[in-house]
Amino acid sequence: NGGMMTYRLACELADRVAGIAPVAGALNVDCRPARPVAVVIFHGMADRHVRFEGGRPHQQYDRHPRVDRSVADAVAFWTAHNGCTAGPQRTQTGPVIREAYTGCRDGADVVLYAIQDGRHAWPGGQRGAFFLDTPSTAISATEVMKPALACVTSTPALLAAATSMLRMSIAQRTNAMSFGSRSNTSAGPGDWR
């Protein structure tokens, strides 16, 4: 799952990743980031593959048994780790509930976009195959995450380079994007600066 991989990147490479935007993932790893990481979470409340409230999936394509942590667990972890002092500031537009936690160390705020009718699909994306969940059209994760994480990047080129997405099996959009580098020197063509 791309969302879960994105959480893991932040946990293990916080000295190199300034912000993440997991979509439909669970923070199922032991997480000890070296620094605060800005986090923008997108998760459908009707997701049957990685359930919003956590637990065993109701629907699963792989055969690996797992019990996922809830979205609330991920939000609680990141707000505590980042030392957020304010929040949640809650707003709702249609089926999208936005909870923002601000005043976090190093500007690493935490924002959750909970989509009431959202399933296991990239919000605002395209349906990958007839048997996959239909994405919500109430919000575009791609359009929201770019400016939301731009504040943690040092150059516009970093943001542009970081918009490449991983793909889930069967050509569905991935469940993750990670942004930013804490390095001021380029490591070469593959560097996300």
Protein backbone atom coordinates (compact mmCIF):
# COMPACT_ATOMS: atom_id res chain seq x y z
CA ASN A 1 0.00 0.00 0.00
CA GLY A 2 1.45 3.33 -1.06
CA GLY A 3 -0.08 5.23 1.86
CA MET A 4 1.55 2.86 4.33
CA MET A 5 4.87 3.14 2.51
CA THR A 6 4.62 6.93 2.72
CA TYR A 7 4.17 6.78 6.49
CA ARG A 8 7.19 4.48 6.70
CA LEU A 9 9.31 6.91 4.65
CA ALA A 10 8.48 9.69 7.11
CA CYS A 11 9.23 7.43 10.07
CA GLU A 12 12.58 6.24 8.78
CA LEU A 13 13.79 9.15 6.63
CA ALA A 14 12.51 12.24 8.45
CA ASP A 15 15.95 13.79 8.10
CA ARG A 16 15.44 13.71 4.30
CA VAL A 17 11.65 14.03 3.88
CA ALA A 18 10.05 17.30 4.93
CA GLY A 19 6.40 16.35 4.37
CA ILE A 20 4.11 13.53 3.30
CA ALA A 21 0.58 13.15 1.98
CA PRO A 22 -0.61 9.56 2.48
CA VAL A 23 -3.87 8.53 0.83
CA ALA A 24 -5.82 5.56 2.22
CA GLY A 25 -2.99 4.20 4.34
CA ALA A 26 -2.45 3.18 7.95
CA LEU A 27 0.49 3.97 10.21
CA ASN A 28 1.21 0.32 11.03
CA VAL A 29 4.95 0.63 11.71
CA ASP A 30 6.91 1.45 14.84
CA CYS A 31 7.60 5.09 14.10
CA ARG A 32 10.53 7.09 15.47
CA PRO A 33 11.14 10.04 13.13
CA ALA A 34 14.23 12.12 13.75
CA ARG A 35 12.37 15.40 13.11
CA PRO A 36 8.88 16.82 12.71
CA VAL A 37 7.29 15.99 9.35
CA ALA A 38 4.39 17.90 7.80
CA VAL A 39 1.51 15.49 7.17
CA VAL A 40 -1.58 15.86 4.98
CA ILE A 41 -3.79 12.76 5.25
CA PHE A 42 -6.58 11.81 2.85
CA HIS A 43 -8.81 8.91 3.85
CA GLY A 44 -12.25 7.75 2.85
CA MET A 45 -14.52 6.96 5.77
CA ALA A 46 -16.16 4.15 3.74
CA ASP A 47 -12.82 2.51 2.80
CA ARG A 48 -13.21 -1.28 3.08
CA HIS A 49 -9.54 -2.06 2.34
CA VAL A 50 -7.85 0.18 4.92
CA ARG A 51 -10.70 1.01 7.27
CA PHE A 52 -10.92 4.53 8.68
CA GLU A 53 -11.57 3.18 12.18
CA GLY A 54 -8.83 0.55 11.84
CA GLY A 55 -9.09 -3.20 12.21
CA ARG A 56 -9.07 -6.04 9.73
CA PRO A 57 -9.91 -5.14 6.13
CA HIS A 58 -13.44 -5.99 4.97
CA GLN A 59 -12.06 -6.39 1.46
CA GLN A 60 -8.49 -7.26 0.58
CA TYR A 61 -6.62 -8.08 -2.65
CA ASP A 62 -3.48 -9.54 -1.11
CA ARG A 63 -3.28 -12.58 1.15
CA HIS A 64 -1.21 -11.04 3.92
CA PRO A 65 -3.22 -10.93 7.15
CA ARG A 66 -3.11 -7.60 8.92
CA VAL A 67 -4.90 -5.44 11.44
CA ASP A 68 -4.58 -1.75 10.62
CA ARG A 69 -4.36 1.11 13.07
CA SER A 70 -7.02 3.79 12.75
CA VAL A 71 -6.69 7.17 11.08
CA ALA A 72 -7.19 8.72 14.53
CA ASP A 73 -4.08 6.84 15.72
CA ALA A 74 -2.02 8.32 12.87
CA VAL A 75 -3.30 11.84 13.56
CA ALA A 76 -2.62 11.48 17.30
CA PHE A 77 0.90 10.22 16.65
CA TRP A 78 1.88 12.99 14.23
CA THR A 79 0.32 15.83 16.24
CA ALA A 80 2.13 14.65 19.38
CA HIS A 81 5.44 14.05 17.59
CA ASN A 82 5.28 17.40 15.79
CA GLY A 83 4.35 19.22 19.00
CA CYS A 84 1.20 20.79 17.55
CA THR A 85 -0.30 23.32 19.95
CA ALA A 86 -3.54 24.19 18.18
CA GLY A 87 -6.32 22.12 16.72
CA PRO A 88 -8.28 20.66 15.48
CA GLN A 89 -9.76 23.47 13.46
CA ARG A 90 -12.65 21.66 11.82
CA THR A 91 -14.49 22.66 8.65
CA GLN A 92 -16.76 20.71 6.35
CA THR A 93 -17.53 21.17 2.66
CA GLY A 94 -20.00 18.61 1.38
CA PRO A 95 -18.73 15.16 2.39
CA VAL A 96 -15.18 16.39 3.09
CA ILE A 97 -14.26 17.06 6.72
CA ARG A 98 -11.00 18.98 7.17
CA GLU A 99 -9.24 18.94 10.53
CA ALA A 100 -6.14 21.13 10.81
CA TYR A 101 -3.63 20.95 13.66
CA THR A 102 -1.32 23.95 13.66
CA GLY A 103 1.38 25.58 15.75
CA CYS A 104 3.59 22.54 15.18
CA ARG A 105 7.39 22.55 15.52
CA ASP A 106 9.28 23.56 12.37
CA GLY A 107 5.97 24.46 10.66
CA ALA A 108 5.16 20.75 10.33
CA ASP A 109 1.39 21.04 10.61
CA VAL A 110 -0.94 18.05 10.38
CA VAL A 111 -4.12 18.13 8.28
CA LEU A 112 -6.69 15.38 7.85
CA TYR A 113 -9.18 15.27 4.97
CA ALA A 114 -11.80 12.67 5.92
CA ILE A 115 -14.15 11.94 3.02
CA GLN A 116 -17.50 10.68 4.31
CA ASP A 117 -18.44 8.67 1.21
CA GLY A 118 -14.85 8.01 0.15
CA ARG A 119 -13.62 4.51 -0.51
CA HIS A 120 -10.18 3.07 -1.30
CA ALA A 121 -9.35 5.30 -4.27
CA TRP A 122 -7.37 8.44 -5.06
CA PRO A 123 -9.75 11.39 -4.38
CA GLY A 124 -10.26 13.29 -7.61
CA GLY A 125 -8.47 10.60 -9.61
CA GLN A 126 -9.72 8.08 -12.10
CA ARG A 127 -11.04 4.60 -11.47
CA GLY A 128 -8.27 2.17 -12.37
CA ALA A 129 -10.46 -0.79 -13.37
CA PHE A 130 -14.12 -1.76 -13.28
CA PHE A 131 -13.73 -3.76 -10.05
CA LEU A 132 -11.86 -1.03 -8.14
CA ASP A 133 -13.54 1.62 -6.02
CA THR A 134 -14.76 4.79 -7.68
CA PRO A 135 -12.83 7.87 -6.48
CA SER A 136 -14.64 10.67 -4.72
CA THR A 137 -15.13 13.77 -6.84
CA ALA A 138 -15.67 16.00 -3.79
CA ILE A 139 -11.94 16.79 -3.50
CA SER A 140 -8.77 16.35 -5.54
CA ALA A 141 -5.98 14.99 -3.35
CA THR A 142 -3.41 15.96 -5.96
CA GLU A 143 -4.56 19.59 -6.17
CA VAL A 144 -4.86 19.99 -2.39
CA MET A 145 -1.57 18.39 -1.38
CA LYS A 146 0.69 20.43 -3.67
CA PRO A 147 0.08 23.84 -2.05
CA ALA A 148 -0.47 22.29 1.37
CA LEU A 149 3.05 20.89 1.41
CA ALA A 150 4.69 23.69 -0.56
CA CYS A 151 5.44 25.51 2.70
CA VAL A 152 7.86 22.76 3.73
CA THR A 153 9.81 22.84 0.48
CA SER A 154 12.62 25.23 -0.21
CA THR A 155 12.24 25.66 -3.98
CA PRO A 156 9.47 25.42 -6.59
CA ALA A 157 11.60 22.85 -8.43
CA LEU A 158 11.35 20.55 -5.43
CA LEU A 159 7.58 20.64 -5.51
CA ALA A 160 7.48 20.00 -9.24
CA ALA A 161 9.89 17.08 -9.00
CA ALA A 162 8.05 15.56 -6.06
CA THR A 163 4.74 15.20 -7.85
CA SER A 164 5.63 11.87 -9.42
CA MET A 165 3.35 9.22 -7.96
CA LEU A 166 3.73 5.53 -7.35
CA ARG A 167 1.19 3.21 -8.98
CA MET A 168 -0.85 0.55 -7.29
CA SER A 169 -1.29 -2.76 -9.03
CA ILE A 170 -3.71 -2.68 -11.94
CA ALA A 171 -2.81 0.90 -12.85
CA GLN A 172 -4.76 2.62 -10.08
CA ARG A 173 -3.24 5.81 -8.71
CA THR A 174 -1.07 5.25 -5.70
CA ASN A 175 -2.00 6.00 -2.17
CA ALA A 176 0.97 8.19 -1.45
CA MET A 177 3.06 11.18 -2.31
CA SER A 178 6.01 12.40 -0.34
CA PHE A 179 7.51 15.83 -0.67
CA GLY A 180 10.63 17.60 0.24
CA SER A 181 14.21 17.16 1.09
CA ARG A 182 16.06 18.60 4.01
CA SER A 183 19.27 18.71 1.99
CA ASN A 184 20.47 21.90 0.34
CA THR A 185 22.75 20.05 -2.05
CA SER A 186 21.65 18.00 -5.02
CA ALA A 187 22.54 14.32 -5.08
CA GLY A 188 21.86 14.07 -8.79
CA PRO A 189 18.99 13.53 -11.23
CA GLY A 190 16.97 11.38 -8.82
CA ASP A 191 17.22 13.82 -5.91
CA TRP A 192 13.86 15.24 -4.77
CA ARG A 193 15.22 18.70 -3.99
